[in-house]
Amino acid sequence: MPITTCACMLSKKSGRMSELDRLIGTAESFLGITELPRGSNNVVFNTHYYGREVSGEAYPWCAVFIWDVFRLAGLSELFCGGDKTASCAAILSYARSSGQFVSPAELRRGDVVLYKFDRTNAAVNHTGLVIYAGSGSFYAIEGNTSVSSDSNGGAVMQRLRTCTNVVGAYRPHYMEEDTMTYWQFEQYMNRYLSITGTGEVCSVWAKNAINELKDRGIVSGSDGDFGWLKPATKETVAQMLYNYIQKLEG
C-alpha cells in the first residue's frame, strides 16, 4: 500500500513548495504508468528523452524516468549537473566524481538510489527515487519495474526495498529547507505561550469588548497581566466560561 509522503516543511521561500516536495510529487503523479505494448519499452518518458517514440531492448528506461521527473519538476540542473543520461552507470560515475555518492546505510528522502540486480554484469542496473527511508528499509518510486521483474518490469511503481541490492545513491544538492519536527513545534509553541509583558496592550478594534469583559469580571487576568495578544489555552477558555456561568447564576 502506498505510503503518504507529505511532510510538514517550512520553505525559506514562504508559500512555495520545496524542491524536494515538488520532485516527489511529480514522481508520484506517474504511478501506474506502463509501457505499451508490454515488453516494448515504448513509454512516454522515452519519447520525451529521445524526441520520438522508440521501442526494443536498446531502450530501458528506469534512468530515463528519473531524468524526466527532474526535468518536469523544473529541476534538471540537479540531475547529474544538468546532464542528460539514460545510464545508471553514468549516474553512479557522476555521483562519485562530484562527491555526491552516499552509502546504502545513509539513504534518505530525495536520494537517487542505485541497485545491482543479477540480470547483468554491470556495476549498477536499476535506479529509483527514495521517498522515505527507515531503519533497514526504504520506499522508492521507480520506473521500468514490477513485482516479478525488479529492473525490467515495464511500470512506474512504489517499491518497498531493503539495502540488500543497493550499491549506493546519488544525492542532489536540493535547496536548503527549514524542517520542523513535531517535538520542535511543541517546544516553540510552549516558548511562545510563556511570553510575558503583553498586559494591557490590545488591538484597537477589540478594546470595547475587552473593557466590557473586564468590567463584568469574565476576564480577570493574572497578576495584572491580561495577555491580550497571547493565544488562549484551554485552561484560559475554561476559566472565562466558568466566570460567565457564575455571573449568569448569580
Protein backbone atom coordinates (compact mmCIF):
# COMPACT_ATOMS: atom_id res chain seq x y z
CA MET A 1 0.00 0.00 0.00
CA PRO A 2 1.45 3.41 -0.95
CA ILE A 3 2.64 5.47 1.96
CA THR A 4 1.89 9.14 2.46
CA THR A 5 4.93 11.22 1.65
CA CYS A 6 3.53 14.59 2.63
CA ALA A 7 5.83 16.33 5.11
CA CYS A 8 5.41 19.47 7.16
CA MET A 9 8.15 21.68 5.75
CA LEU A 10 8.69 25.40 6.09
CA SER A 11 10.37 26.65 2.93
CA LYS A 12 12.63 29.66 3.08
CA LYS A 13 10.55 30.99 0.20
CA SER A 14 7.23 31.32 2.01
CA GLY A 15 4.23 29.96 0.18
CA ARG A 16 6.27 27.90 -2.30
CA MET A 17 6.55 24.14 -2.39
CA SER A 18 10.05 22.93 -1.60
CA GLU A 19 12.18 21.49 -4.40
CA LEU A 20 12.08 18.05 -2.83
CA ASP A 21 8.31 18.07 -2.36
CA ARG A 22 7.85 19.21 -5.95
CA LEU A 23 10.15 16.48 -7.26
CA ILE A 24 8.48 13.69 -5.29
CA GLY A 25 5.02 14.99 -6.17
CA THR A 26 5.97 14.84 -9.86
CA ALA A 27 7.22 11.26 -9.49
CA GLU A 28 4.06 10.22 -7.64
CA SER A 29 1.87 11.63 -10.40
CA PHE A 30 3.17 8.92 -12.75
CA LEU A 31 2.47 5.91 -10.52
CA GLY A 32 0.75 3.23 -12.60
CA ILE A 33 2.11 4.36 -15.99
CA THR A 34 3.18 1.35 -18.08
CA GLU A 35 4.90 0.79 -21.40
CA LEU A 36 2.63 -0.21 -24.30
CA PRO A 37 2.68 -2.82 -25.57
CA ARG A 38 4.10 -4.79 -22.68
CA GLY A 39 7.81 -5.51 -23.02
CA SER A 40 8.30 -2.87 -25.72
CA ASN A 41 9.96 -0.05 -23.74
CA ASN A 42 7.55 2.25 -25.61
CA VAL A 43 6.70 4.72 -22.86
CA VAL A 44 6.19 8.46 -22.57
CA PHE A 45 9.49 9.03 -20.72
CA ASN A 46 11.48 7.51 -23.58
CA THR A 47 9.51 9.66 -26.03
CA HIS A 48 10.48 12.75 -24.06
CA TYR A 49 14.12 11.66 -23.84
CA TYR A 50 14.67 10.68 -27.47
CA GLY A 51 12.22 13.13 -29.03
CA ARG A 52 10.32 10.35 -30.76
CA GLU A 53 8.66 7.05 -29.95
CA VAL A 54 11.15 4.21 -29.54
CA SER A 55 10.85 0.53 -28.75
CA GLY A 56 13.04 -2.51 -28.26
CA GLU A 57 15.62 -3.88 -25.84
CA ALA A 58 18.02 -1.00 -26.54
CA TYR A 59 15.76 1.44 -24.66
CA PRO A 60 15.49 0.51 -20.97
CA TRP A 61 14.02 3.47 -19.12
CA CYS A 62 14.50 3.41 -15.33
CA ALA A 63 17.18 6.14 -15.52
CA VAL A 64 15.22 7.96 -18.22
CA PHE A 65 12.25 8.09 -15.84
CA ILE A 66 14.38 9.77 -13.15
CA TRP A 67 15.82 12.23 -15.69
CA ASP A 68 12.31 13.11 -16.89
CA VAL A 69 10.94 13.57 -13.36
CA PHE A 70 13.69 16.08 -12.58
CA ARG A 71 13.02 17.83 -15.90
CA LEU A 72 9.26 18.02 -15.45
CA ALA A 73 9.70 19.29 -11.89
CA GLY A 74 11.85 22.13 -13.24
CA LEU A 75 14.96 20.75 -11.53
CA SER A 76 17.03 19.46 -14.45
CA GLU A 77 20.19 21.11 -13.12
CA LEU A 78 20.02 18.90 -10.02
CA PHE A 79 20.19 15.69 -12.04
CA CYS A 80 23.87 14.95 -12.66
CA GLY A 81 24.70 18.61 -13.10
CA GLY A 82 22.12 19.04 -15.84
CA ASP A 83 23.47 16.16 -17.91
CA LYS A 84 21.16 14.01 -19.99
CA THR A 85 21.74 10.31 -19.49
CA ALA A 86 19.77 7.08 -19.75
CA SER A 87 22.52 5.12 -17.98
CA CYS A 88 22.51 4.02 -14.35
CA ALA A 89 26.28 3.60 -14.60
CA ALA A 90 26.62 7.24 -15.68
CA ILE A 91 24.63 8.35 -12.61
CA LEU A 92 26.94 6.29 -10.40
CA SER A 93 30.03 7.74 -12.08
CA TYR A 94 28.77 11.31 -11.67
CA ALA A 95 27.84 10.72 -8.03
CA ARG A 96 31.35 9.51 -7.25
CA SER A 97 33.20 12.17 -9.25
CA SER A 98 31.13 15.02 -7.78
CA GLY A 99 31.40 13.83 -4.19
CA GLN A 100 27.65 13.20 -4.04
CA PHE A 101 27.76 9.44 -3.60
CA VAL A 102 26.27 8.08 -0.37
CA SER A 103 26.39 4.56 1.02
CA PRO A 104 23.32 2.31 1.43
CA ALA A 105 23.33 2.97 5.17
CA GLU A 106 22.99 6.73 4.59
CA LEU A 107 19.87 6.73 2.37
CA ARG A 108 17.36 9.49 2.89
CA ARG A 109 14.38 11.10 1.18
CA GLY A 110 15.28 12.54 -2.23
CA ASP A 111 18.29 10.29 -2.94
CA VAL A 112 18.56 8.68 -6.37
CA VAL A 113 19.16 5.11 -5.26
CA LEU A 114 21.26 2.75 -7.41
CA TYR A 115 20.75 -1.03 -7.42
CA LYS A 116 22.67 -4.04 -8.64
CA PHE A 117 20.42 -6.95 -9.54
CA ASP A 118 21.69 -10.17 -11.10
CA ARG A 119 20.27 -9.54 -14.56
CA THR A 120 23.51 -8.06 -15.97
CA ASN A 121 27.20 -7.83 -15.13
CA ALA A 122 27.06 -4.03 -14.87
CA ALA A 123 28.07 -2.31 -11.63
CA VAL A 124 24.50 -0.99 -11.35
CA ASN A 125 21.46 -1.74 -13.47
CA HIS A 126 18.47 -0.04 -11.86
CA THR A 127 17.58 3.22 -10.14
CA GLY A 128 14.75 4.95 -8.30
CA LEU A 129 13.84 7.97 -6.19
CA VAL A 130 13.78 7.45 -2.42
CA ILE A 131 10.61 8.90 -0.87
CA TYR A 132 11.01 7.50 2.64
CA ALA A 133 13.95 5.87 4.39
CA GLY A 134 13.59 3.96 7.64
CA SER A 135 15.77 1.59 9.59
CA GLY A 136 16.96 -1.13 7.22
CA SER A 137 14.33 -0.49 4.54
CA PHE A 138 13.00 2.30 2.37
CA TYR A 139 10.35 3.20 -0.19
CA ALA A 140 11.29 4.33 -3.68
CA ILE A 141 9.39 5.32 -6.80
CA GLU A 142 10.91 3.50 -9.76
CA GLY A 143 10.35 3.31 -13.48
CA ASN A 144 10.55 0.11 -15.52
CA THR A 145 9.90 -2.19 -12.56
CA SER A 146 7.35 -4.75 -11.37
CA VAL A 147 6.92 -7.27 -8.58
CA SER A 148 8.06 -10.01 -10.97
CA SER A 149 10.99 -8.12 -12.53
CA ASP A 150 12.72 -5.57 -10.32
CA SER A 151 14.77 -3.92 -13.03
CA ASN A 152 12.82 -4.52 -16.26
CA GLY A 153 9.15 -4.66 -15.32
CA GLY A 154 7.66 -2.01 -17.56
CA ALA A 155 5.76 0.07 -14.98
CA VAL A 156 6.15 3.01 -12.62
CA MET A 157 5.66 1.70 -9.10
CA GLN A 158 6.34 2.46 -5.49
CA ARG A 159 8.57 -0.31 -4.15
CA LEU A 160 9.44 -1.28 -0.61
CA ARG A 161 13.14 -2.20 -0.61
CA THR A 162 15.88 -3.33 1.72
CA CYS A 163 19.51 -2.39 1.18
CA THR A 164 20.46 -5.90 0.03
CA ASN A 165 20.79 -4.93 -3.64
CA VAL A 166 21.72 -1.28 -3.13
CA VAL A 167 25.14 -0.13 -4.31
CA GLY A 168 24.62 3.39 -3.03
CA ALA A 169 22.91 6.57 -4.13
CA TYR A 170 23.39 9.92 -5.80
CA ARG A 171 22.35 12.81 -3.53
CA PRO A 172 21.38 16.00 -5.41
CA HIS A 173 22.04 19.37 -3.81
CA TYR A 174 18.47 20.40 -3.06
CA MET A 175 17.86 23.95 -1.92
CA GLU A 176 18.27 24.02 1.84
CA GLU A 177 15.00 23.77 3.71
CA ASP A 178 13.97 24.59 7.24
CA THR A 179 12.27 21.46 8.57
CA MET A 180 10.40 21.25 11.84
CA THR A 181 9.56 18.09 13.74
CA TYR A 182 6.51 17.89 16.00
CA TRP A 183 8.80 17.98 19.05
CA GLN A 184 10.42 21.19 17.82
CA PHE A 185 7.00 22.71 17.11
CA GLU A 186 5.87 21.85 20.62
CA GLN A 187 8.95 23.49 22.12
CA TYR A 188 8.46 26.67 20.09
CA MET A 189 4.77 26.79 20.99
CA ASN A 190 5.50 26.35 24.69
CA ARG A 191 8.02 29.15 24.48
CA TYR A 192 5.51 31.36 22.64
CA LEU A 193 2.79 30.69 25.20
CA SER A 194 5.17 31.67 28.00
CA ILE A 195 5.80 35.14 26.59
CA THR A 196 5.08 37.85 29.19
CA GLY A 197 4.56 41.56 29.10
CA THR A 198 1.53 41.84 26.79
CA GLY A 199 -0.50 43.26 29.72
CA GLU A 200 -2.96 45.94 28.70
CA VAL A 201 -1.75 46.08 25.09
CA CYS A 202 -4.54 45.04 22.74
CA SER A 203 -5.86 45.71 19.27
CA VAL A 204 -7.90 48.91 18.96
CA TRP A 205 -10.81 47.15 17.27
CA ALA A 206 -11.27 44.86 20.33
CA LYS A 207 -10.94 47.47 23.05
CA ASN A 208 -14.69 47.94 23.73
CA ALA A 209 -15.25 44.19 24.07
CA ILE A 210 -12.19 43.84 26.27
CA ASN A 211 -13.27 46.60 28.62
CA GLU A 212 -16.76 45.11 28.92
CA LEU A 213 -15.41 41.64 29.76
CA LYS A 214 -13.04 43.12 32.33
CA ASP A 215 -15.80 45.20 33.94
CA ARG A 216 -18.08 42.15 34.19
CA GLY A 217 -15.32 40.01 35.65
CA ILE A 218 -15.46 37.47 32.82
CA VAL A 219 -11.76 38.02 32.13
CA SER A 220 -9.81 38.59 35.32
CA GLY A 221 -6.22 38.44 34.17
CA SER A 222 -3.26 37.08 36.09
CA ASP A 223 -1.12 39.28 38.34
CA GLY A 224 -2.27 42.35 36.43
CA ASP A 225 -1.39 40.84 33.06
CA PHE A 226 -4.31 40.04 30.78
CA GLY A 227 -2.14 38.84 27.90
CA TRP A 228 -4.50 40.08 25.23
CA LEU A 229 -2.21 39.18 22.34
CA LYS A 230 -1.36 35.69 23.58
CA PRO A 231 -3.06 32.52 22.28
CA ALA A 232 -5.83 31.32 24.62
CA THR A 233 -5.16 27.93 26.20
CA LYS A 234 -8.00 25.55 27.08
CA GLU A 235 -7.42 26.49 30.72
CA THR A 236 -7.95 30.17 29.94
CA VAL A 237 -11.12 29.49 27.96
CA ALA A 238 -12.43 27.23 30.72
CA GLN A 239 -11.87 29.96 33.32
CA MET A 240 -13.64 32.54 31.17
CA LEU A 241 -16.64 30.24 30.67
CA TYR A 242 -16.70 29.45 34.39
CA ASN A 243 -16.72 33.17 35.23
CA TYR A 244 -19.54 33.70 32.74
CA ILE A 245 -21.62 30.87 34.22
CA GLN A 246 -21.09 32.27 37.70
CA LYS A 247 -22.40 35.63 36.55
CA LEU A 248 -25.46 34.02 34.97
CA GLU A 249 -26.26 32.00 38.08
CA GLY A 250 -25.54 34.87 40.42
